[in-house]
Amino acid sequence: MTYYPFLKWAGGKRWLSPYAHALAPAEFGRYFEPFLGAGAFFGALEPPAAMLSDCNAELINCFVTMRDQPDHLYSIMQRHQENHSDEYYYLIRSVSYLSALEKAGRFLYLNRTCFNGIYRVNQQGKFNVPRGTKSSVLFAHDDFSKASRLLASARIEVCDFESTISAAGEGDFVFCDPPYTVSHNNNGFVRYNEKMFSWSDQIRLRDCLKAANERGVRFLVTNAAHYSIRDIYQSPGFFINPVSRASVIGGGNQYRGRYSEFLISNYQPDFFGSARDLPKARAAQRLN
């Protein structure tokens, strides 16, 4: 049964998830994902044991609530569906809830109805994305019970990526989809990400993965196809496979179109040894 992520996440890997099994190692122990986002890759793999984490506390609370209270969360979403309007959207955006359940419902409602599913807060930490064009809060493919069952055996935490990767041991698999930042770039989306994930964080991530590699951990990293990323991952035994994809996330047409990405791993995925190709994607011919 196809898994549909219950969240929309800027930079998410829903486009990549149909090929998760061909990209992941054929066999691995535990699954680790330190930049959870919408969890599309995790959902496609359905690993029996996982550690999922992110530094976004509201995101993690939503996942924990989906795991532990799917029926109650669905009821809250039904209430939001019945009341959804311009006025109601901005009312919910302005309120703060005390209960974890109501916080999760607010987060999921805003995610599904804001502009392009973007998560952005102001200097006071308040969510400030305007309402989008969506009129539906609940979708035909929603299956909160399935999402809850999938998450049942997962450890879900708010923490820095270094803590999560450090917990992986020999035979485990780490999938990393960090915010895309590079040493120099004029891409608007990258500039936005620099506020929450700096170039020094990219170096720290690389160092964490090198240490994990020495422990016998398998890893797959998605990142921007940029010479600065290529340079820091050029090590013996590391594979850098360029692909390109379509993007519709961005505040203006100048930030939409096709974007090159790297898939970086310390093993060569079976996918790249076959004749298959990513959907609507092709090998990137030029680096930025």
C-alpha atoms as a PDB file:
ATOM      1  CA  MET A   1       0.000   0.000   0.000  1.00  0.00           C
ATOM      2  CA  THR A   2       1.392   3.382  -1.008  1.00  0.00           C
ATOM      3  CA  TYR A   3       2.324   5.675   1.863  1.00  0.00           C
ATOM      4  CA  TYR A   4       1.354   9.321   1.448  1.00  0.00           C
ATOM      5  CA  PRO A   5       3.187  11.733   3.786  1.00  0.00           C
ATOM      6  CA  PHE A   6       0.666  13.594   5.921  1.00  0.00           C
ATOM      7  CA  LEU A   7       2.780  16.748   5.702  1.00  0.00           C
ATOM      8  CA  LYS A   8       4.033  18.855   2.826  1.00  0.00           C
ATOM      9  CA  TRP A   9       7.603  19.989   3.407  1.00  0.00           C
ATOM     10  CA  ALA A  10       9.765  22.379   1.412  1.00  0.00           C
ATOM     11  CA  GLY A  11      12.689  20.410   0.052  1.00  0.00           C
ATOM     12  CA  GLY A  12      11.000  17.123   0.980  1.00  0.00           C
ATOM     13  CA  LYS A  13      11.807  13.878  -0.796  1.00  0.00           C
ATOM     14  CA  ARG A  14       8.365  12.716  -1.912  1.00  0.00           C
ATOM     15  CA  TRP A  15       9.692  12.819  -5.507  1.00  0.00           C
ATOM     16  CA  LEU A  16      12.489  10.430  -4.516  1.00  0.00           C
ATOM     17  CA  SER A  17      10.528   8.085  -2.259  1.00  0.00           C
ATOM     18  CA  PRO A  18       9.188   5.725  -4.976  1.00  0.00           C
ATOM     19  CA  TYR A  19      12.800   4.621  -5.457  1.00  0.00           C
ATOM     20  CA  ALA A  20      13.683   4.333  -1.774  1.00  0.00           C
ATOM     21  CA  HIS A  21      14.223   0.558  -1.852  1.00  0.00           C
ATOM     22  CA  ALA A  22      16.533   0.779  -4.872  1.00  0.00           C
ATOM     23  CA  LEU A  23      18.523   3.594  -3.257  1.00  0.00           C
ATOM     24  CA  ALA A  24      18.819   2.163   0.250  1.00  0.00           C
ATOM     25  CA  PRO A  25      21.210  -0.700   1.086  1.00  0.00           C
ATOM     26  CA  ALA A  26      19.752  -4.114   0.277  1.00  0.00           C
ATOM     27  CA  GLU A  27      20.013  -5.027   3.968  1.00  0.00           C
ATOM     28  CA  PHE A  28      20.470  -2.885   7.051  1.00  0.00           C
ATOM     29  CA  GLY A  29      19.730  -2.895  10.766  1.00  0.00           C
ATOM     30  CA  ARG A  30      18.132   0.196  12.237  1.00  0.00           C
ATOM     31  CA  TYR A  31      17.076   3.214  10.191  1.00  0.00           C
ATOM     32  CA  PHE A  32      18.096   6.737  11.233  1.00  0.00           C
ATOM     33  CA  GLU A  33      16.765   9.996   9.781  1.00  0.00           C
ATOM     34  CA  PRO A  34      18.064  13.165  11.501  1.00  0.00           C
ATOM     35  CA  PHE A  35      16.336  15.724   9.222  1.00  0.00           C
ATOM     36  CA  LEU A  36      12.825  14.302   9.312  1.00  0.00           C
ATOM     37  CA  GLY A  37      10.735  16.839   7.416  1.00  0.00           C
ATOM     38  CA  ALA A  38       7.678  15.028   6.045  1.00  0.00           C
ATOM     39  CA  GLY A  39       9.368  11.635   6.399  1.00  0.00           C
ATOM     40  CA  ALA A  40       8.594  10.520   2.830  1.00  0.00           C
ATOM     41  CA  PHE A  41      11.695   8.340   2.482  1.00  0.00           C
ATOM     42  CA  PHE A  42      11.049   6.664   5.840  1.00  0.00           C
ATOM     43  CA  GLY A  43       7.428   6.048   4.877  1.00  0.00           C
ATOM     44  CA  ALA A  44       8.417   4.425   1.610  1.00  0.00           C
ATOM     45  CA  LEU A  45      10.958   2.101   3.246  1.00  0.00           C
ATOM     46  CA  GLU A  46       8.766   1.169   6.245  1.00  0.00           C
ATOM     47  CA  PRO A  47      11.744   0.010   8.339  1.00  0.00           C
ATOM     48  CA  PRO A  48      10.899  -2.146  11.376  1.00  0.00           C
ATOM     49  CA  ALA A  49      13.122  -0.101  13.717  1.00  0.00           C
ATOM     50  CA  ALA A  50      13.903   3.586  13.339  1.00  0.00           C
ATOM     51  CA  MET A  51      15.140   6.705  15.075  1.00  0.00           C
ATOM     52  CA  LEU A  52      13.599   9.851  13.633  1.00  0.00           C
ATOM     53  CA  SER A  53      14.600  13.333  14.703  1.00  0.00           C
ATOM     54  CA  ASP A  54      14.561  16.993  13.803  1.00  0.00           C
ATOM     55  CA  CYS A  55      15.420  20.260  15.521  1.00  0.00           C
ATOM     56  CA  ASN A  56      11.878  21.549  14.849  1.00  0.00           C
ATOM     57  CA  ALA A  57       9.944  20.828  18.064  1.00  0.00           C
ATOM     58  CA  GLU A  58       6.542  21.499  16.499  1.00  0.00           C
ATOM     59  CA  LEU A  59       7.242  19.063  13.680  1.00  0.00           C
ATOM     60  CA  ILE A  60       8.326  16.328  16.085  1.00  0.00           C
ATOM     61  CA  ASN A  61       5.299  16.915  18.311  1.00  0.00           C
ATOM     62  CA  CYS A  62       3.083  16.398  15.258  1.00  0.00           C
ATOM     63  CA  PHE A  63       4.763  13.076  14.468  1.00  0.00           C
ATOM     64  CA  VAL A  64       4.558  11.886  18.082  1.00  0.00           C
ATOM     65  CA  THR A  65       0.878  12.817  18.214  1.00  0.00           C
ATOM     66  CA  MET A  66       0.212  11.046  14.916  1.00  0.00           C
ATOM     67  CA  ARG A  67       1.871   7.948  16.347  1.00  0.00           C
ATOM     68  CA  ASP A  68       0.148   8.005  19.733  1.00  0.00           C
ATOM     69  CA  GLN A  69      -3.231   9.693  19.134  1.00  0.00           C
ATOM     70  CA  PRO A  70      -4.190   9.369  15.437  1.00  0.00           C
ATOM     71  CA  ASP A  71      -7.955   9.265  16.023  1.00  0.00           C
ATOM     72  CA  HIS A  72      -7.958  12.334  18.267  1.00  0.00           C
ATOM     73  CA  LEU A  73      -5.770  14.192  15.784  1.00  0.00           C
ATOM     74  CA  TYR A  74      -8.135  13.300  12.955  1.00  0.00           C
ATOM     75  CA  SER A  75     -11.075  14.674  14.965  1.00  0.00           C
ATOM     76  CA  ILE A  76      -9.262  17.977  15.390  1.00  0.00           C
ATOM     77  CA  MET A  77      -8.584  18.110  11.665  1.00  0.00           C
ATOM     78  CA  GLN A  78     -12.283  17.522  10.994  1.00  0.00           C
ATOM     79  CA  ARG A  79     -13.037  20.549  13.159  1.00  0.00           C
ATOM     80  CA  HIS A  80     -10.524  22.627  11.228  1.00  0.00           C
ATOM     81  CA  GLN A  81     -12.058  21.431   7.947  1.00  0.00           C
ATOM     82  CA  GLU A  82     -15.534  22.543   9.044  1.00  0.00           C
ATOM     83  CA  ASN A  83     -14.314  26.018   9.996  1.00  0.00           C
ATOM     84  CA  HIS A  84     -11.672  26.645   7.350  1.00  0.00           C
ATOM     85  CA  SER A  85     -11.749  30.154   5.850  1.00  0.00           C
ATOM     86  CA  ASP A  86      -9.496  33.199   5.545  1.00  0.00           C
ATOM     87  CA  GLU A  87     -10.592  34.519   8.918  1.00  0.00           C
ATOM     88  CA  TYR A  88     -10.274  31.130  10.600  1.00  0.00           C
ATOM     89  CA  TYR A  89      -6.795  30.491   9.154  1.00  0.00           C
ATOM     90  CA  TYR A  90      -5.380  33.704  10.576  1.00  0.00           C
ATOM     91  CA  LEU A  91      -7.159  33.110  13.881  1.00  0.00           C
ATOM     92  CA  ILE A  92      -5.535  29.691  14.277  1.00  0.00           C
ATOM     93  CA  ARG A  93      -2.204  31.075  13.114  1.00  0.00           C
ATOM     94  CA  SER A  94      -2.337  33.664  15.910  1.00  0.00           C
ATOM     95  CA  VAL A  95      -3.232  31.372  18.819  1.00  0.00           C
ATOM     96  CA  SER A  96      -0.988  29.294  21.051  1.00  0.00           C
ATOM     97  CA  TYR A  97      -2.196  26.020  22.550  1.00  0.00           C
ATOM     98  CA  LEU A  98      -1.010  24.349  25.727  1.00  0.00           C
ATOM     99  CA  SER A  99      -1.856  20.729  24.928  1.00  0.00           C
ATOM    100  CA  ALA A 100       0.401  18.681  22.664  1.00  0.00           C
ATOM    101  CA  LEU A 101      -2.669  17.378  20.815  1.00  0.00           C
ATOM    102  CA  GLU A 102      -4.028  20.842  19.950  1.00  0.00           C
ATOM    103  CA  LYS A 103      -0.532  22.022  19.017  1.00  0.00           C
ATOM    104  CA  ALA A 104      -0.204  19.107  16.591  1.00  0.00           C
ATOM    105  CA  GLY A 105      -3.610  19.852  15.070  1.00  0.00           C
ATOM    106  CA  ARG A 106      -2.697  23.511  14.604  1.00  0.00           C
ATOM    107  CA  PHE A 107       0.647  22.600  13.036  1.00  0.00           C
ATOM    108  CA  LEU A 108      -0.894  20.124  10.597  1.00  0.00           C
ATOM    109  CA  TYR A 109      -3.754  22.470   9.709  1.00  0.00           C
ATOM    110  CA  LEU A 110      -1.404  25.364   8.964  1.00  0.00           C
ATOM    111  CA  ASN A 111       0.940  23.092   7.010  1.00  0.00           C
ATOM    112  CA  ARG A 112      -1.879  21.934   4.762  1.00  0.00           C
ATOM    113  CA  THR A 113      -3.445  25.332   4.173  1.00  0.00           C
ATOM    114  CA  CYS A 114      -0.543  27.808   4.176  1.00  0.00           C
ATOM    115  CA  PHE A 115       1.308  28.969   1.064  1.00  0.00           C
ATOM    116  CA  ASN A 116       3.214  26.010  -0.467  1.00  0.00           C
ATOM    117  CA  GLY A 117       3.471  24.183   2.859  1.00  0.00           C
ATOM    118  CA  ILE A 118       6.402  26.409   3.861  1.00  0.00           C
ATOM    119  CA  TYR A 119       7.421  26.486   7.522  1.00  0.00           C
ATOM    120  CA  ARG A 120       8.720  29.923   8.466  1.00  0.00           C
ATOM    121  CA  VAL A 121       8.717  31.899  11.704  1.00  0.00           C
ATOM    122  CA  ASN A 122       9.507  35.523  12.486  1.00  0.00           C
ATOM    123  CA  GLN A 123      12.134  36.815  14.920  1.00  0.00           C
ATOM    124  CA  GLN A 124       9.717  36.172  17.784  1.00  0.00           C
ATOM    125  CA  GLY A 125       9.362  32.546  16.733  1.00  0.00           C
ATOM    126  CA  LYS A 126       5.789  32.991  15.473  1.00  0.00           C
ATOM    127  CA  PHE A 127       4.623  31.182  12.347  1.00  0.00           C
ATOM    128  CA  ASN A 128       4.007  33.897   9.730  1.00  0.00           C
ATOM    129  CA  VAL A 129       3.289  32.192   6.374  1.00  0.00           C
ATOM    130  CA  PRO A 130       0.141  33.546   4.655  1.00  0.00           C
ATOM    131  CA  ARG A 131      -2.790  31.364   3.698  1.00  0.00           C
ATOM    132  CA  GLY A 132      -2.455  29.424   0.452  1.00  0.00           C
ATOM    133  CA  THR A 133      -5.108  28.451  -2.072  1.00  0.00           C
ATOM    134  CA  LYS A 134      -6.047  25.045  -0.658  1.00  0.00           C
ATOM    135  CA  SER A 135      -9.655  24.669   0.413  1.00  0.00           C
ATOM    136  CA  SER A 136      -9.318  21.104   1.738  1.00  0.00           C
ATOM    137  CA  VAL A 137      -7.885  20.262   5.132  1.00  0.00           C
ATOM    138  CA  LEU A 138      -8.507  16.514   4.872  1.00  0.00           C
ATOM    139  CA  PHE A 139      -7.627  14.499   1.775  1.00  0.00           C
ATOM    140  CA  ALA A 140      -8.961  11.307   0.203  1.00  0.00           C
ATOM    141  CA  HIS A 141      -5.639   9.531   0.742  1.00  0.00           C
ATOM    142  CA  ASP A 142      -5.439  10.389   4.450  1.00  0.00           C
ATOM    143  CA  ASP A 143      -4.880   7.306   6.587  1.00  0.00           C
ATOM    144  CA  PHE A 144      -3.889   8.416  10.064  1.00  0.00           C
ATOM    145  CA  SER A 145      -4.178   4.852  11.384  1.00  0.00           C
ATOM    146  CA  LYS A 146      -1.645   3.579   8.824  1.00  0.00           C
ATOM    147  CA  ALA A 147       0.716   6.444   9.656  1.00  0.00           C
ATOM    148  CA  SER A 148       0.362   5.599  13.355  1.00  0.00           C
ATOM    149  CA  ARG A 149       1.158   1.923  12.753  1.00  0.00           C
ATOM    150  CA  LEU A 150       4.177   2.846  10.646  1.00  0.00           C
ATOM    151  CA  LEU A 151       5.501   5.111  13.401  1.00  0.00           C
ATOM    152  CA  ALA A 152       4.680   2.704  16.238  1.00  0.00           C
ATOM    153  CA  SER A 153       8.180   1.235  16.524  1.00  0.00           C
ATOM    154  CA  ALA A 154      10.025   4.489  15.862  1.00  0.00           C
ATOM    155  CA  ARG A 155      11.884   6.532  18.420  1.00  0.00           C
ATOM    156  CA  ILE A 156      11.016  10.179  17.659  1.00  0.00           C
ATOM    157  CA  GLU A 157      12.991  12.994  19.245  1.00  0.00           C
ATOM    158  CA  VAL A 158      13.842  16.679  19.070  1.00  0.00           C
ATOM    159  CA  CYS A 159      17.613  16.870  18.800  1.00  0.00           C
ATOM    160  CA  ASP A 160      20.567  17.972  16.735  1.00  0.00           C
ATOM    161  CA  PHE A 161      21.543  15.741  13.819  1.00  0.00           C
ATOM    162  CA  GLU A 162      24.873  14.892  15.434  1.00  0.00           C
ATOM    163  CA  SER A 163      23.161  13.093  18.333  1.00  0.00           C
ATOM    164  CA  THR A 164      21.099  10.960  15.956  1.00  0.00           C
ATOM    165  CA  ILE A 165      23.946  10.007  13.624  1.00  0.00           C
ATOM    166  CA  SER A 166      26.210   9.231  16.582  1.00  0.00           C
ATOM    167  CA  ALA A 167      23.684   6.629  17.795  1.00  0.00           C
ATOM    168  CA  ALA A 168      23.972   4.595  14.574  1.00  0.00           C
ATOM    169  CA  GLY A 169      26.241   1.569  14.641  1.00  0.00           C
ATOM    170  CA  GLU A 170      27.616  -1.111  12.355  1.00  0.00           C
ATOM    171  CA  GLY A 171      25.048  -2.329   9.840  1.00  0.00           C
ATOM    172  CA  ASP A 172      22.655   0.575  10.426  1.00  0.00           C
ATOM    173  CA  PHE A 173      21.475   2.970   7.722  1.00  0.00           C
ATOM    174  CA  VAL A 174      21.356   6.774   7.955  1.00  0.00           C
ATOM    175  CA  PHE A 175      19.374   8.845   5.463  1.00  0.00           C
ATOM    176  CA  CYS A 176      20.127  12.582   5.575  1.00  0.00           C
ATOM    177  CA  ASP A 177      18.179  15.287   3.781  1.00  0.00           C
ATOM    178  CA  PRO A 178      19.660  18.468   5.282  1.00  0.00           C
ATOM    179  CA  PRO A 179      18.696  22.000   4.276  1.00  0.00           C
ATOM    180  CA  TYR A 180      20.682  22.851   1.162  1.00  0.00           C
ATOM    181  CA  THR A 181      23.360  25.401   1.908  1.00  0.00           C
ATOM    182  CA  VAL A 182      26.605  25.850  -0.002  1.00  0.00           C
ATOM    183  CA  SER A 183      29.706  27.995   0.384  1.00  0.00           C
ATOM    184  CA  HIS A 184      28.609  30.397  -2.384  1.00  0.00           C
ATOM    185  CA  ASN A 185      25.280  30.481  -4.237  1.00  0.00           C
ATOM    186  CA  ASN A 186      22.721  32.960  -5.532  1.00  0.00           C
ATOM    187  CA  ASN A 187      19.770  30.595  -5.100  1.00  0.00           C
ATOM    188  CA  GLY A 188      17.018  32.215  -3.020  1.00  0.00           C
ATOM    189  CA  PHE A 189      15.993  28.966  -1.318  1.00  0.00           C
ATOM    190  CA  VAL A 190      19.570  28.321  -0.234  1.00  0.00           C
ATOM    191  CA  ARG A 191      19.843  31.839   1.168  1.00  0.00           C
ATOM    192  CA  TYR A 192      16.716  31.180   3.236  1.00  0.00           C
ATOM    193  CA  ASN A 193      18.176  27.911   4.570  1.00  0.00           C
ATOM    194  CA  GLU A 194      21.413  29.597   5.600  1.00  0.00           C
ATOM    195  CA  LYS A 195      19.478  31.146   8.458  1.00  0.00           C
ATOM    196  CA  MET A 196      18.911  27.724  10.024  1.00  0.00           C
ATOM    197  CA  PHE A 197      21.693  25.547   8.572  1.00  0.00           C
ATOM    198  CA  SER A 198      25.046  27.202   7.994  1.00  0.00           C
ATOM    199  CA  TRP A 199      28.044  26.150   5.979  1.00  0.00           C
ATOM    200  CA  SER A 200      29.771  25.175   9.227  1.00  0.00           C
ATOM    201  CA  ASP A 201      26.808  22.833   9.857  1.00  0.00           C
ATOM    202  CA  GLN A 202      27.465  21.247   6.447  1.00  0.00           C
ATOM    203  CA  ILE A 203      31.061  20.603   7.471  1.00  0.00           C
ATOM    204  CA  ARG A 204      29.927  19.213  10.825  1.00  0.00           C
ATOM    205  CA  LEU A 205      27.478  16.895   9.041  1.00  0.00           C
ATOM    206  CA  ARG A 206      30.241  15.674   6.729  1.00  0.00           C
ATOM    207  CA  ASP A 207      32.464  14.969   9.724  1.00  0.00           C
ATOM    208  CA  CYS A 208      29.665  13.058  11.494  1.00  0.00           C
ATOM    209  CA  LEU A 209      29.142  10.901   8.414  1.00  0.00           C
ATOM    210  CA  LYS A 210      32.846  10.201   8.046  1.00  0.00           C
ATOM    211  CA  ALA A 211      32.906   9.025  11.656  1.00  0.00           C
ATOM    212  CA  ALA A 212      29.793   6.911  11.040  1.00  0.00           C
ATOM    213  CA  ASN A 213      31.457   5.390   7.989  1.00  0.00           C
ATOM    214  CA  GLU A 214      34.367   4.271  10.156  1.00  0.00           C
ATOM    215  CA  ARG A 215      31.854   2.548  12.500  1.00  0.00           C
ATOM    216  CA  GLY A 216      30.413   0.524   9.609  1.00  0.00           C
ATOM    217  CA  VAL A 217      27.269   2.648   9.128  1.00  0.00           C
ATOM    218  CA  ARG A 218      25.786   2.975   5.629  1.00  0.00           C
ATOM    219  CA  PHE A 219      24.568   6.445   4.681  1.00  0.00           C
ATOM    220  CA  LEU A 220      22.764   8.232   1.863  1.00  0.00           C
ATOM    221  CA  VAL A 221      22.774  12.036   1.748  1.00  0.00           C
ATOM    222  CA  THR A 222      20.855  14.366  -0.543  1.00  0.00           C
ATOM    223  CA  ASN A 223      22.419  17.764  -1.119  1.00  0.00           C
ATOM    224  CA  ALA A 224      22.817  20.597  -3.592  1.00  0.00           C
ATOM    225  CA  ALA A 225      24.793  19.782  -6.755  1.00  0.00           C
ATOM    226  CA  HIS A 226      27.434  22.394  -6.149  1.00  0.00           C
ATOM    227  CA  TYR A 227      31.196  22.229  -6.364  1.00  0.00           C
ATOM    228  CA  SER A 228      31.594  23.108  -2.675  1.00  0.00           C
ATOM    229  CA  ILE A 229      29.458  20.097  -1.672  1.00  0.00           C
ATOM    230  CA  ARG A 230      31.312  17.857  -4.120  1.00  0.00           C
ATOM    231  CA  ASP A 231      34.637  18.986  -2.713  1.00  0.00           C
ATOM    232  CA  ILE A 232      33.893  18.209   0.936  1.00  0.00           C
ATOM    233  CA  TYR A 233      32.588  14.699   0.122  1.00  0.00           C
ATOM    234  CA  GLN A 234      35.371  13.645  -2.215  1.00  0.00           C
ATOM    235  CA  SER A 235      36.805  10.780  -0.183  1.00  0.00           C
ATOM    236  CA  PRO A 236      37.808   7.201  -1.044  1.00  0.00           C
ATOM    237  CA  GLY A 237      34.768   4.937  -0.941  1.00  0.00           C
ATOM    238  CA  PHE A 238      32.240   7.768  -1.245  1.00  0.00           C
ATOM    239  CA  PHE A 239      29.968   7.927  -4.307  1.00  0.00           C
ATOM    240  CA  ILE A 240      28.524  11.207  -5.633  1.00  0.00           C
ATOM    241  CA  ASN A 241      25.676  10.699  -8.099  1.00  0.00           C
ATOM    242  CA  PRO A 242      24.177  13.840  -9.705  1.00  0.00           C
ATOM    243  CA  VAL A 243      20.480  14.001 -10.652  1.00  0.00           C
ATOM    244  CA  SER A 244      18.068  16.817 -11.411  1.00  0.00           C
ATOM    245  CA  ARG A 245      14.479  17.350 -10.380  1.00  0.00           C
ATOM    246  CA  ALA A 246      11.576  19.714 -10.863  1.00  0.00           C
ATOM    247  CA  SER A 247      10.726  22.172  -8.099  1.00  0.00           C
ATOM    248  CA  VAL A 248       7.600  24.194  -7.450  1.00  0.00           C
ATOM    249  CA  ILE A 249       8.679  25.578  -4.080  1.00  0.00           C
ATOM    250  CA  GLY A 250       9.644  29.224  -4.101  1.00  0.00           C
ATOM    251  CA  GLY A 251       8.290  32.709  -3.665  1.00  0.00           C
ATOM    252  CA  GLY A 252       8.715  33.670  -7.298  1.00  0.00           C
ATOM    253  CA  ASN A 253       9.088  32.180 -10.753  1.00  0.00           C
ATOM    254  CA  GLN A 254      12.815  32.919 -10.717  1.00  0.00           C
ATOM    255  CA  TYR A 255      13.198  30.264  -7.989  1.00  0.00           C
ATOM    256  CA  ARG A 256      11.181  27.567  -9.803  1.00  0.00           C
ATOM    257  CA  GLY A 257      12.216  25.159 -12.518  1.00  0.00           C
ATOM    258  CA  ARG A 258      14.783  22.341 -12.460  1.00  0.00           C
ATOM    259  CA  TYR A 259      17.319  21.952  -9.682  1.00  0.00           C
ATOM    260  CA  SER A 260      20.387  19.741  -9.648  1.00  0.00           C
ATOM    261  CA  GLU A 261      21.045  17.604  -6.591  1.00  0.00           C
ATOM    262  CA  PHE A 262      23.673  15.167  -5.391  1.00  0.00           C
ATOM    263  CA  LEU A 263      22.938  11.754  -3.917  1.00  0.00           C
ATOM    264  CA  ILE A 264      26.003  10.985  -1.809  1.00  0.00           C
ATOM    265  CA  SER A 265      26.648   7.591  -0.225  1.00  0.00           C
ATOM    266  CA  ASN A 266      29.360   5.296   1.078  1.00  0.00           C
ATOM    267  CA  TYR A 267      28.010   2.458  -1.084  1.00  0.00           C
ATOM    268  CA  GLN A 268      26.823   2.417  -4.680  1.00  0.00           C
ATOM    269  CA  PRO A 269      23.016   2.068  -4.655  1.00  0.00           C
ATOM    270  CA  ASP A 270      21.570  -0.644  -6.898  1.00  0.00           C
ATOM    271  CA  PHE A 271      19.509   2.077  -8.557  1.00  0.00           C
ATOM    272  CA  PHE A 272      22.524   3.548 -10.327  1.00  0.00           C
ATOM    273  CA  GLY A 273      23.597   0.168 -11.606  1.00  0.00           C
ATOM    274  CA  SER A 274      20.316  -0.311 -13.481  1.00  0.00           C
ATOM    275  CA  ALA A 275      18.764   1.292 -16.550  1.00  0.00           C
ATOM    276  CA  ARG A 276      16.068   3.028 -14.543  1.00  0.00           C
ATOM    277  CA  ASP A 277      15.833   6.765 -14.153  1.00  0.00           C
ATOM    278  CA  LEU A 278      14.263   9.039 -11.577  1.00  0.00           C
ATOM    279  CA  PRO A 279      10.771  10.280 -12.490  1.00  0.00           C
ATOM    280  CA  LYS A 280      11.072  13.466 -14.534  1.00  0.00           C
ATOM    281  CA  ALA A 281      14.762  13.579 -13.649  1.00  0.00           C
ATOM    282  CA  ARG A 282      17.961  13.160 -15.565  1.00  0.00           C
ATOM    283  CA  ALA A 283      21.656  13.142 -14.817  1.00  0.00           C
ATOM    284  CA  ALA A 284      22.880  16.632 -14.094  1.00  0.00           C
ATOM    285  CA  GLN A 285      25.309  17.736 -16.795  1.00  0.00           C
ATOM    286  CA  ARG A 286      26.653  20.885 -15.169  1.00  0.00           C
ATOM    287  CA  LEU A 287      27.525  22.005 -11.671  1.00  0.00           C
ATOM    288  CA  ASN A 288      26.615  25.484 -10.444  1.00  0.00           C
END
